[in-house]
């Protein structure tokens, strides 16, 4: 009888732990291992729907300092109240969108903000620059034995231009967010390292981390998402960043145990990102 009770108690504790983990997956300092079944037809259909969205509401522009140029697309809130300030979401693309056509960067992470429910509920500006060359490059940190990311003058131009954009538009300085996938995830880490004063929160999806400014990021809410099976950007860099920050910073990690590089985005993740971002303030 006692053995049965102990087994029952152990099982109950396990269930409570799993439910707690599922219910609080964005708690700082936590590493949540997610083993999703094969993406449902509903989730795949949702991703396809987002990819097919018309992005003509994102107006074309360019940042030009006389030496280099970065094209961008810019979405404004649906109904702007001149007396209000609105969040700005900066979205960085992966290496496959490098170019000058000012369209290739309009992937799922940019277009998701066009979904009717997001346009209505999350009134925000969205900036999607397109880099003409790689925005981040990687090299080995021999002391950590992981790859690290470093950016260039093109990211500098974008960050400097945001300062001017804040003055021109009704942007809330305390609610500027940055997110990106793959190379864009790495550039996200470079951006917050270069300008920790600028951003209220960051989402790094399948990127490579930067480590030399960790002490300046201790109050920055950072969400890392990576697939264990990723062989394009091996996850060890992001895992190491999380390990170094989990006890002293505001970082948490979602590790998808059965995901690769290009299948990391899911309906569930895309629903969670806006809710989490919009709760963060400087």
C-alpha atoms as a PDB file:
ATOM      1  CA  UNK A   1       0.000   0.000   0.000  1.00  0.00           C
ATOM      2  CA  UNK A   2       2.828   2.355   0.945  1.00  0.00           C
ATOM      3  CA  UNK A   3       4.625   1.599  -2.335  1.00  0.00           C
ATOM      4  CA  UNK A   4       1.488   2.420  -4.322  1.00  0.00           C
ATOM      5  CA  UNK A   5       1.128   5.706  -2.456  1.00  0.00           C
ATOM      6  CA  UNK A   6       4.775   6.613  -3.105  1.00  0.00           C
ATOM      7  CA  UNK A   7       4.421   5.800  -6.815  1.00  0.00           C
ATOM      8  CA  UNK A   8       1.230   7.855  -6.973  1.00  0.00           C
ATOM      9  CA  UNK A   9       2.887  10.766  -5.175  1.00  0.00           C
ATOM     10  CA  UNK A  10       5.912  10.648  -7.495  1.00  0.00           C
ATOM     11  CA  UNK A  11       3.679  10.552 -10.553  1.00  0.00           C
ATOM     12  CA  UNK A  12       1.616  13.466  -9.228  1.00  0.00           C
ATOM     13  CA  UNK A  13       4.742  15.553  -8.671  1.00  0.00           C
ATOM     14  CA  UNK A  14       5.881  14.774 -12.224  1.00  0.00           C
ATOM     15  CA  UNK A  15       2.533  15.817 -13.672  1.00  0.00           C
ATOM     16  CA  UNK A  16       2.499  19.048 -11.682  1.00  0.00           C
ATOM     17  CA  UNK A  17       6.032  19.820 -12.901  1.00  0.00           C
ATOM     18  CA  UNK A  18       5.078  19.248 -16.538  1.00  0.00           C
ATOM     19  CA  UNK A  19       1.916  21.350 -16.235  1.00  0.00           C
ATOM     20  CA  UNK A  20       3.872  24.087 -14.453  1.00  0.00           C
ATOM     21  CA  UNK A  21       6.502  24.057 -17.192  1.00  0.00           C
ATOM     22  CA  UNK A  22       3.840  24.230 -19.898  1.00  0.00           C
ATOM     23  CA  UNK A  23       1.973  26.977 -18.070  1.00  0.00           C
ATOM     24  CA  UNK A  24       5.030  29.164 -17.410  1.00  0.00           C
ATOM     25  CA  UNK A  25       7.348  28.625 -20.391  1.00  0.00           C
ATOM     26  CA  UNK A  26       8.470  32.273 -20.419  1.00  0.00           C
ATOM     27  CA  UNK A  27       9.828  32.402 -16.879  1.00  0.00           C
ATOM     28  CA  UNK A  28      13.318  33.890 -16.792  1.00  0.00           C
ATOM     29  CA  UNK A  29      16.084  31.418 -16.074  1.00  0.00           C
ATOM     30  CA  UNK A  30      14.142  28.432 -17.405  1.00  0.00           C
ATOM     31  CA  UNK A  31      15.084  26.052 -20.196  1.00  0.00           C
ATOM     32  CA  UNK A  32      11.973  24.423 -21.628  1.00  0.00           C
ATOM     33  CA  UNK A  33      12.457  21.295 -23.695  1.00  0.00           C
ATOM     34  CA  UNK A  34       9.649  20.903 -26.224  1.00  0.00           C
ATOM     35  CA  UNK A  35       9.015  17.701 -28.128  1.00  0.00           C
ATOM     36  CA  UNK A  36       6.249  18.542 -30.561  1.00  0.00           C
ATOM     37  CA  UNK A  37       4.658  15.929 -32.703  1.00  0.00           C
ATOM     38  CA  UNK A  38       4.887  16.460 -36.451  1.00  0.00           C
ATOM     39  CA  UNK A  39       3.499  19.882 -37.314  1.00  0.00           C
ATOM     40  CA  UNK A  40      -0.255  19.642 -37.714  1.00  0.00           C
ATOM     41  CA  UNK A  41      -1.940  20.423 -41.000  1.00  0.00           C
ATOM     42  CA  UNK A  42      -3.523  23.396 -39.229  1.00  0.00           C
ATOM     43  CA  UNK A  43      -0.133  24.791 -38.206  1.00  0.00           C
ATOM     44  CA  UNK A  44       1.371  24.240 -41.664  1.00  0.00           C
ATOM     45  CA  UNK A  45      -1.659  25.878 -43.237  1.00  0.00           C
ATOM     46  CA  UNK A  46      -1.266  28.867 -40.919  1.00  0.00           C
ATOM     47  CA  UNK A  47       2.379  29.332 -41.865  1.00  0.00           C
ATOM     48  CA  UNK A  48       1.457  29.132 -45.547  1.00  0.00           C
ATOM     49  CA  UNK A  49      -1.295  31.703 -45.015  1.00  0.00           C
ATOM     50  CA  UNK A  50       1.173  34.138 -43.445  1.00  0.00           C
ATOM     51  CA  UNK A  51       3.713  33.608 -46.233  1.00  0.00           C
ATOM     52  CA  UNK A  52       1.035  34.460 -48.809  1.00  0.00           C
ATOM     53  CA  UNK A  53      -0.118  37.685 -47.146  1.00  0.00           C
ATOM     54  CA  UNK A  54       0.038  40.816 -49.291  1.00  0.00           C
ATOM     55  CA  UNK A  55       2.587  43.181 -47.750  1.00  0.00           C
ATOM     56  CA  UNK A  56       1.756  46.362 -49.666  1.00  0.00           C
ATOM     57  CA  UNK A  57       0.975  48.090 -46.361  1.00  0.00           C
ATOM     58  CA  UNK A  58       4.705  47.850 -45.644  1.00  0.00           C
ATOM     59  CA  UNK A  59       5.968  50.968 -47.419  1.00  0.00           C
ATOM     60  CA  UNK A  60       9.371  50.936 -49.096  1.00  0.00           C
ATOM     61  CA  UNK A  61      12.185  53.225 -47.978  1.00  0.00           C
ATOM     62  CA  UNK A  62      15.944  53.346 -47.512  1.00  0.00           C
ATOM     63  CA  UNK A  63      18.515  54.435 -44.975  1.00  0.00           C
ATOM     64  CA  UNK A  64      21.429  56.240 -46.641  1.00  0.00           C
ATOM     65  CA  UNK A  65      24.361  57.864 -44.869  1.00  0.00           C
ATOM     66  CA  UNK A  66      26.140  58.829 -48.098  1.00  0.00           C
ATOM     67  CA  UNK A  67      28.440  55.813 -47.955  1.00  0.00           C
ATOM     68  CA  UNK A  68      26.181  52.781 -47.601  1.00  0.00           C
ATOM     69  CA  UNK A  69      22.475  52.110 -48.142  1.00  0.00           C
ATOM     70  CA  UNK A  70      20.025  49.747 -46.454  1.00  0.00           C
ATOM     71  CA  UNK A  71      16.577  49.299 -47.981  1.00  0.00           C
ATOM     72  CA  UNK A  72      13.626  48.669 -45.694  1.00  0.00           C
ATOM     73  CA  UNK A  73       9.892  48.114 -45.465  1.00  0.00           C
ATOM     74  CA  UNK A  74       7.930  50.013 -42.820  1.00  0.00           C
ATOM     75  CA  UNK A  75       4.473  49.240 -41.451  1.00  0.00           C
ATOM     76  CA  UNK A  76       2.569  51.837 -39.448  1.00  0.00           C
ATOM     77  CA  UNK A  77      -0.212  51.156 -36.907  1.00  0.00           C
ATOM     78  CA  UNK A  78      -3.610  50.753 -38.495  1.00  0.00           C
ATOM     79  CA  UNK A  79      -5.214  53.729 -36.764  1.00  0.00           C
ATOM     80  CA  UNK A  80      -2.737  56.244 -35.382  1.00  0.00           C
ATOM     81  CA  UNK A  81      -3.856  58.504 -32.556  1.00  0.00           C
ATOM     82  CA  UNK A  82      -1.513  61.541 -32.652  1.00  0.00           C
ATOM     83  CA  UNK A  83      -1.737  61.769 -28.863  1.00  0.00           C
ATOM     84  CA  UNK A  84      -0.436  58.231 -28.357  1.00  0.00           C
ATOM     85  CA  UNK A  85       2.902  56.485 -28.679  1.00  0.00           C
ATOM     86  CA  UNK A  86       3.187  53.024 -30.225  1.00  0.00           C
ATOM     87  CA  UNK A  87       5.692  50.161 -30.004  1.00  0.00           C
ATOM     88  CA  UNK A  88       8.259  49.522 -32.734  1.00  0.00           C
ATOM     89  CA  UNK A  89       9.236  45.980 -33.752  1.00  0.00           C
ATOM     90  CA  UNK A  90      12.495  45.595 -35.659  1.00  0.00           C
ATOM     91  CA  UNK A  91      12.645  42.342 -37.675  1.00  0.00           C
ATOM     92  CA  UNK A  92      15.916  40.947 -39.043  1.00  0.00           C
ATOM     93  CA  UNK A  93      15.965  38.454 -41.910  1.00  0.00           C
ATOM     94  CA  UNK A  94      18.079  35.371 -42.547  1.00  0.00           C
ATOM     95  CA  UNK A  95      20.966  35.064 -44.997  1.00  0.00           C
ATOM     96  CA  UNK A  96      18.700  33.816 -47.781  1.00  0.00           C
ATOM     97  CA  UNK A  97      17.113  37.276 -48.040  1.00  0.00           C
ATOM     98  CA  UNK A  98      20.359  39.238 -48.478  1.00  0.00           C
ATOM     99  CA  UNK A  99      20.015  41.563 -51.475  1.00  0.00           C
ATOM    100  CA  UNK A 100      18.638  44.856 -52.757  1.00  0.00           C
ATOM    101  CA  UNK A 101      15.179  43.980 -54.094  1.00  0.00           C
ATOM    102  CA  UNK A 102      13.460  45.211 -50.884  1.00  0.00           C
ATOM    103  CA  UNK A 103      11.043  42.290 -50.936  1.00  0.00           C
ATOM    104  CA  UNK A 104      12.964  39.130 -50.053  1.00  0.00           C
ATOM    105  CA  UNK A 105      13.213  40.118 -46.382  1.00  0.00           C
ATOM    106  CA  UNK A 106       9.418  39.952 -46.047  1.00  0.00           C
ATOM    107  CA  UNK A 107       9.225  36.545 -44.448  1.00  0.00           C
ATOM    108  CA  UNK A 108       6.958  35.052 -41.802  1.00  0.00           C
ATOM    109  CA  UNK A 109       8.353  37.106 -38.886  1.00  0.00           C
ATOM    110  CA  UNK A 110       7.564  40.330 -40.737  1.00  0.00           C
ATOM    111  CA  UNK A 111       4.271  39.318 -42.310  1.00  0.00           C
ATOM    112  CA  UNK A 112       2.851  37.876 -39.072  1.00  0.00           C
ATOM    113  CA  UNK A 113       2.184  41.452 -37.944  1.00  0.00           C
ATOM    114  CA  UNK A 114      -0.228  41.812 -40.893  1.00  0.00           C
ATOM    115  CA  UNK A 115      -2.586  39.156 -39.542  1.00  0.00           C
ATOM    116  CA  UNK A 116      -5.918  40.870 -38.783  1.00  0.00           C
ATOM    117  CA  UNK A 117      -5.840  39.852 -35.126  1.00  0.00           C
ATOM    118  CA  UNK A 118      -2.334  41.277 -34.691  1.00  0.00           C
ATOM    119  CA  UNK A 119      -3.154  44.474 -36.572  1.00  0.00           C
ATOM    120  CA  UNK A 120      -6.137  45.080 -34.311  1.00  0.00           C
ATOM    121  CA  UNK A 121      -4.770  43.949 -30.957  1.00  0.00           C
ATOM    122  CA  UNK A 122      -1.132  44.992 -31.257  1.00  0.00           C
ATOM    123  CA  UNK A 123      -1.063  48.467 -32.764  1.00  0.00           C
ATOM    124  CA  UNK A 124       2.600  48.863 -33.619  1.00  0.00           C
ATOM    125  CA  UNK A 125       5.190  50.028 -36.118  1.00  0.00           C
ATOM    126  CA  UNK A 126       7.179  47.255 -37.799  1.00  0.00           C
ATOM    127  CA  UNK A 127      10.523  47.870 -39.513  1.00  0.00           C
ATOM    128  CA  UNK A 128      11.993  45.195 -41.806  1.00  0.00           C
ATOM    129  CA  UNK A 129      15.372  46.201 -43.263  1.00  0.00           C
ATOM    130  CA  UNK A 130      17.067  44.239 -46.045  1.00  0.00           C
ATOM    131  CA  UNK A 131      20.828  44.006 -45.797  1.00  0.00           C
ATOM    132  CA  UNK A 132      22.772  44.069 -49.100  1.00  0.00           C
ATOM    133  CA  UNK A 133      25.467  41.869 -47.529  1.00  0.00           C
ATOM    134  CA  UNK A 134      25.479  39.557 -44.518  1.00  0.00           C
ATOM    135  CA  UNK A 135      24.498  41.539 -41.436  1.00  0.00           C
ATOM    136  CA  UNK A 136      26.384  39.156 -39.122  1.00  0.00           C
ATOM    137  CA  UNK A 137      29.342  36.834 -39.503  1.00  0.00           C
ATOM    138  CA  UNK A 138      30.555  34.103 -37.177  1.00  0.00           C
ATOM    139  CA  UNK A 139      33.876  32.980 -35.797  1.00  0.00           C
ATOM    140  CA  UNK A 140      34.978  30.492 -33.172  1.00  0.00           C
ATOM    141  CA  UNK A 141      35.367  31.635 -29.592  1.00  0.00           C
ATOM    142  CA  UNK A 142      38.154  29.286 -28.564  1.00  0.00           C
ATOM    143  CA  UNK A 143      37.665  29.924 -24.849  1.00  0.00           C
ATOM    144  CA  UNK A 144      34.032  28.779 -25.052  1.00  0.00           C
ATOM    145  CA  UNK A 145      34.419  26.426 -28.039  1.00  0.00           C
ATOM    146  CA  UNK A 146      31.280  27.850 -29.683  1.00  0.00           C
ATOM    147  CA  UNK A 147      30.654  30.186 -32.582  1.00  0.00           C
ATOM    148  CA  UNK A 148      30.038  33.851 -31.807  1.00  0.00           C
ATOM    149  CA  UNK A 149      28.489  36.571 -33.928  1.00  0.00           C
ATOM    150  CA  UNK A 150      29.776  39.984 -34.980  1.00  0.00           C
ATOM    151  CA  UNK A 151      28.042  42.621 -37.078  1.00  0.00           C
ATOM    152  CA  UNK A 152      29.141  45.417 -39.406  1.00  0.00           C
ATOM    153  CA  UNK A 153      28.480  49.007 -40.461  1.00  0.00           C
ATOM    154  CA  UNK A 154      25.153  48.082 -42.075  1.00  0.00           C
ATOM    155  CA  UNK A 155      23.642  47.245 -38.704  1.00  0.00           C
ATOM    156  CA  UNK A 156      25.193  50.443 -37.326  1.00  0.00           C
ATOM    157  CA  UNK A 157      23.348  52.440 -39.983  1.00  0.00           C
ATOM    158  CA  UNK A 158      20.020  50.807 -39.127  1.00  0.00           C
ATOM    159  CA  UNK A 159      20.440  51.442 -35.402  1.00  0.00           C
ATOM    160  CA  UNK A 160      21.447  55.062 -35.948  1.00  0.00           C
ATOM    161  CA  UNK A 161      18.480  55.561 -38.285  1.00  0.00           C
ATOM    162  CA  UNK A 162      16.055  54.283 -35.650  1.00  0.00           C
ATOM    163  CA  UNK A 163      16.987  57.258 -33.484  1.00  0.00           C
ATOM    164  CA  UNK A 164      15.789  59.567 -36.273  1.00  0.00           C
ATOM    165  CA  UNK A 165      12.696  57.435 -36.860  1.00  0.00           C
ATOM    166  CA  UNK A 166      11.679  57.823 -33.214  1.00  0.00           C
ATOM    167  CA  UNK A 167      11.674  61.602 -33.643  1.00  0.00           C
ATOM    168  CA  UNK A 168       9.622  61.492 -36.864  1.00  0.00           C
ATOM    169  CA  UNK A 169       7.000  58.923 -35.810  1.00  0.00           C
ATOM    170  CA  UNK A 170       4.819  58.304 -32.738  1.00  0.00           C
ATOM    171  CA  UNK A 171       7.172  55.639 -31.386  1.00  0.00           C
ATOM    172  CA  UNK A 172       7.305  54.765 -27.697  1.00  0.00           C
ATOM    173  CA  UNK A 173      10.982  54.821 -26.677  1.00  0.00           C
ATOM    174  CA  UNK A 174      10.255  52.343 -23.882  1.00  0.00           C
ATOM    175  CA  UNK A 175       8.734  49.724 -26.190  1.00  0.00           C
ATOM    176  CA  UNK A 176      11.201  49.042 -28.990  1.00  0.00           C
ATOM    177  CA  UNK A 177      11.620  45.334 -29.693  1.00  0.00           C
ATOM    178  CA  UNK A 178      13.931  43.324 -31.933  1.00  0.00           C
ATOM    179  CA  UNK A 179      13.567  39.819 -33.316  1.00  0.00           C
ATOM    180  CA  UNK A 180      15.046  37.674 -36.057  1.00  0.00           C
ATOM    181  CA  UNK A 181      15.593  34.215 -37.484  1.00  0.00           C
ATOM    182  CA  UNK A 182      18.918  32.512 -38.327  1.00  0.00           C
ATOM    183  CA  UNK A 183      21.369  35.260 -39.354  1.00  0.00           C
ATOM    184  CA  UNK A 184      18.627  37.623 -38.190  1.00  0.00           C
ATOM    185  CA  UNK A 185      18.679  35.973 -34.764  1.00  0.00           C
ATOM    186  CA  UNK A 186      22.425  36.576 -34.629  1.00  0.00           C
ATOM    187  CA  UNK A 187      21.923  40.189 -35.721  1.00  0.00           C
ATOM    188  CA  UNK A 188      19.330  40.522 -32.970  1.00  0.00           C
ATOM    189  CA  UNK A 189      22.017  39.611 -30.442  1.00  0.00           C
ATOM    190  CA  UNK A 190      24.449  42.047 -32.082  1.00  0.00           C
ATOM    191  CA  UNK A 191      21.850  44.819 -32.000  1.00  0.00           C
ATOM    192  CA  UNK A 192      21.086  44.511 -28.289  1.00  0.00           C
ATOM    193  CA  UNK A 193      24.799  44.264 -27.537  1.00  0.00           C
ATOM    194  CA  UNK A 194      25.512  47.461 -29.485  1.00  0.00           C
ATOM    195  CA  UNK A 195      22.488  49.351 -28.161  1.00  0.00           C
ATOM    196  CA  UNK A 196      21.194  47.881 -24.889  1.00  0.00           C
ATOM    197  CA  UNK A 197      19.760  51.341 -24.167  1.00  0.00           C
ATOM    198  CA  UNK A 198      17.474  51.143 -27.197  1.00  0.00           C
ATOM    199  CA  UNK A 199      15.564  47.883 -26.815  1.00  0.00           C
ATOM    200  CA  UNK A 200      12.932  46.671 -24.368  1.00  0.00           C
ATOM    201  CA  UNK A 201      13.159  42.975 -25.341  1.00  0.00           C
ATOM    202  CA  UNK A 202      14.613  40.588 -27.918  1.00  0.00           C
ATOM    203  CA  UNK A 203      13.671  37.270 -29.558  1.00  0.00           C
ATOM    204  CA  UNK A 204      16.528  35.243 -31.060  1.00  0.00           C
ATOM    205  CA  UNK A 205      15.305  32.338 -33.194  1.00  0.00           C
ATOM    206  CA  UNK A 206      18.012  29.909 -34.365  1.00  0.00           C
ATOM    207  CA  UNK A 207      20.747  32.532 -34.315  1.00  0.00           C
ATOM    208  CA  UNK A 208      24.302  32.730 -32.987  1.00  0.00           C
ATOM    209  CA  UNK A 209      25.017  34.683 -29.809  1.00  0.00           C
ATOM    210  CA  UNK A 210      27.411  37.510 -28.948  1.00  0.00           C
ATOM    211  CA  UNK A 211      29.153  37.257 -25.579  1.00  0.00           C
ATOM    212  CA  UNK A 212      31.427  40.246 -25.051  1.00  0.00           C
ATOM    213  CA  UNK A 213      28.654  42.579 -23.801  1.00  0.00           C
ATOM    214  CA  UNK A 214      26.849  40.183 -21.462  1.00  0.00           C
ATOM    215  CA  UNK A 215      27.316  42.495 -18.468  1.00  0.00           C
ATOM    216  CA  UNK A 216      25.291  45.170 -20.276  1.00  0.00           C
ATOM    217  CA  UNK A 217      22.382  42.819 -21.005  1.00  0.00           C
ATOM    218  CA  UNK A 218      21.491  41.704 -17.488  1.00  0.00           C
ATOM    219  CA  UNK A 219      18.193  43.624 -17.434  1.00  0.00           C
ATOM    220  CA  UNK A 220      17.259  42.868 -21.053  1.00  0.00           C
ATOM    221  CA  UNK A 221      14.411  40.338 -21.467  1.00  0.00           C
ATOM    222  CA  UNK A 222      15.717  37.831 -24.040  1.00  0.00           C
ATOM    223  CA  UNK A 223      13.852  34.848 -25.448  1.00  0.00           C
ATOM    224  CA  UNK A 224      15.967  32.240 -27.250  1.00  0.00           C
ATOM    225  CA  UNK A 225      14.378  29.607 -29.498  1.00  0.00           C
ATOM    226  CA  UNK A 226      16.464  26.848 -31.081  1.00  0.00           C
ATOM    227  CA  UNK A 227      16.068  23.357 -32.477  1.00  0.00           C
ATOM    228  CA  UNK A 228      18.298  20.619 -31.088  1.00  0.00           C
ATOM    229  CA  UNK A 229      18.705  19.136 -34.570  1.00  0.00           C
ATOM    230  CA  UNK A 230      19.780  22.405 -36.207  1.00  0.00           C
ATOM    231  CA  UNK A 231      22.867  21.810 -38.353  1.00  0.00           C
ATOM    232  CA  UNK A 232      22.850  25.216 -40.099  1.00  0.00           C
ATOM    233  CA  UNK A 233      23.411  27.195 -36.907  1.00  0.00           C
ATOM    234  CA  UNK A 234      24.405  24.667 -34.284  1.00  0.00           C
ATOM    235  CA  UNK A 235      22.516  25.467 -31.042  1.00  0.00           C
ATOM    236  CA  UNK A 236      25.534  25.281 -28.707  1.00  0.00           C
ATOM    237  CA  UNK A 237      26.208  29.024 -29.028  1.00  0.00           C
ATOM    238  CA  UNK A 238      22.727  29.955 -27.840  1.00  0.00           C
ATOM    239  CA  UNK A 239      22.767  27.227 -25.180  1.00  0.00           C
ATOM    240  CA  UNK A 240      26.051  28.594 -23.830  1.00  0.00           C
ATOM    241  CA  UNK A 241      24.661  32.143 -23.772  1.00  0.00           C
ATOM    242  CA  UNK A 242      21.658  30.926 -21.808  1.00  0.00           C
ATOM    243  CA  UNK A 243      23.865  29.021 -19.353  1.00  0.00           C
ATOM    244  CA  UNK A 244      25.999  32.101 -18.703  1.00  0.00           C
ATOM    245  CA  UNK A 245      22.957  34.342 -18.219  1.00  0.00           C
ATOM    246  CA  UNK A 246      20.347  32.144 -16.541  1.00  0.00           C
ATOM    247  CA  UNK A 247      21.212  33.049 -12.947  1.00  0.00           C
ATOM    248  CA  UNK A 248      21.963  36.727 -13.427  1.00  0.00           C
ATOM    249  CA  UNK A 249      20.036  37.930 -16.477  1.00  0.00           C
ATOM    250  CA  UNK A 250      16.464  37.898 -17.807  1.00  0.00           C
ATOM    251  CA  UNK A 251      16.766  35.152 -20.372  1.00  0.00           C
ATOM    252  CA  UNK A 252      14.856  31.953 -21.066  1.00  0.00           C
ATOM    253  CA  UNK A 253      15.217  29.230 -23.656  1.00  0.00           C
ATOM    254  CA  UNK A 254      12.807  27.104 -25.686  1.00  0.00           C
ATOM    255  CA  UNK A 255      14.662  24.070 -27.012  1.00  0.00           C
ATOM    256  CA  UNK A 256      12.718  22.123 -29.647  1.00  0.00           C
ATOM    257  CA  UNK A 257      14.090  18.610 -29.335  1.00  0.00           C
ATOM    258  CA  UNK A 258      12.957  17.369 -32.749  1.00  0.00           C
ATOM    259  CA  UNK A 259      13.259  20.538 -34.850  1.00  0.00           C
ATOM    260  CA  UNK A 260      15.830  21.453 -37.465  1.00  0.00           C
ATOM    261  CA  UNK A 261      16.721  24.923 -38.783  1.00  0.00           C
ATOM    262  CA  UNK A 262      14.036  25.627 -41.335  1.00  0.00           C
ATOM    263  CA  UNK A 263      11.053  24.048 -39.569  1.00  0.00           C
ATOM    264  CA  UNK A 264      11.378  25.888 -36.259  1.00  0.00           C
ATOM    265  CA  UNK A 265       8.458  28.292 -36.809  1.00  0.00           C
ATOM    266  CA  UNK A 266       5.056  27.036 -35.727  1.00  0.00           C
ATOM    267  CA  UNK A 267       1.597  28.447 -35.202  1.00  0.00           C
ATOM    268  CA  UNK A 268       2.011  28.159 -31.422  1.00  0.00           C
ATOM    269  CA  UNK A 269       5.291  30.083 -31.406  1.00  0.00           C
ATOM    270  CA  UNK A 270       3.955  32.830 -33.659  1.00  0.00           C
ATOM    271  CA  UNK A 271       0.937  33.270 -31.398  1.00  0.00           C
ATOM    272  CA  UNK A 272       3.134  33.533 -28.316  1.00  0.00           C
ATOM    273  CA  UNK A 273       5.681  36.055 -29.575  1.00  0.00           C
ATOM    274  CA  UNK A 274       3.418  39.160 -29.813  1.00  0.00           C
ATOM    275  CA  UNK A 275       1.832  38.457 -26.426  1.00  0.00           C
ATOM    276  CA  UNK A 276       5.220  38.171 -24.754  1.00  0.00           C
ATOM    277  CA  UNK A 277       6.870  41.103 -26.506  1.00  0.00           C
ATOM    278  CA  UNK A 278       4.089  43.542 -25.767  1.00  0.00           C
ATOM    279  CA  UNK A 279       4.338  42.828 -22.037  1.00  0.00           C
ATOM    280  CA  UNK A 280       7.930  44.049 -21.936  1.00  0.00           C
ATOM    281  CA  UNK A 281       8.856  47.646 -21.149  1.00  0.00           C
ATOM    282  CA  UNK A 282      12.119  49.446 -20.483  1.00  0.00           C
END
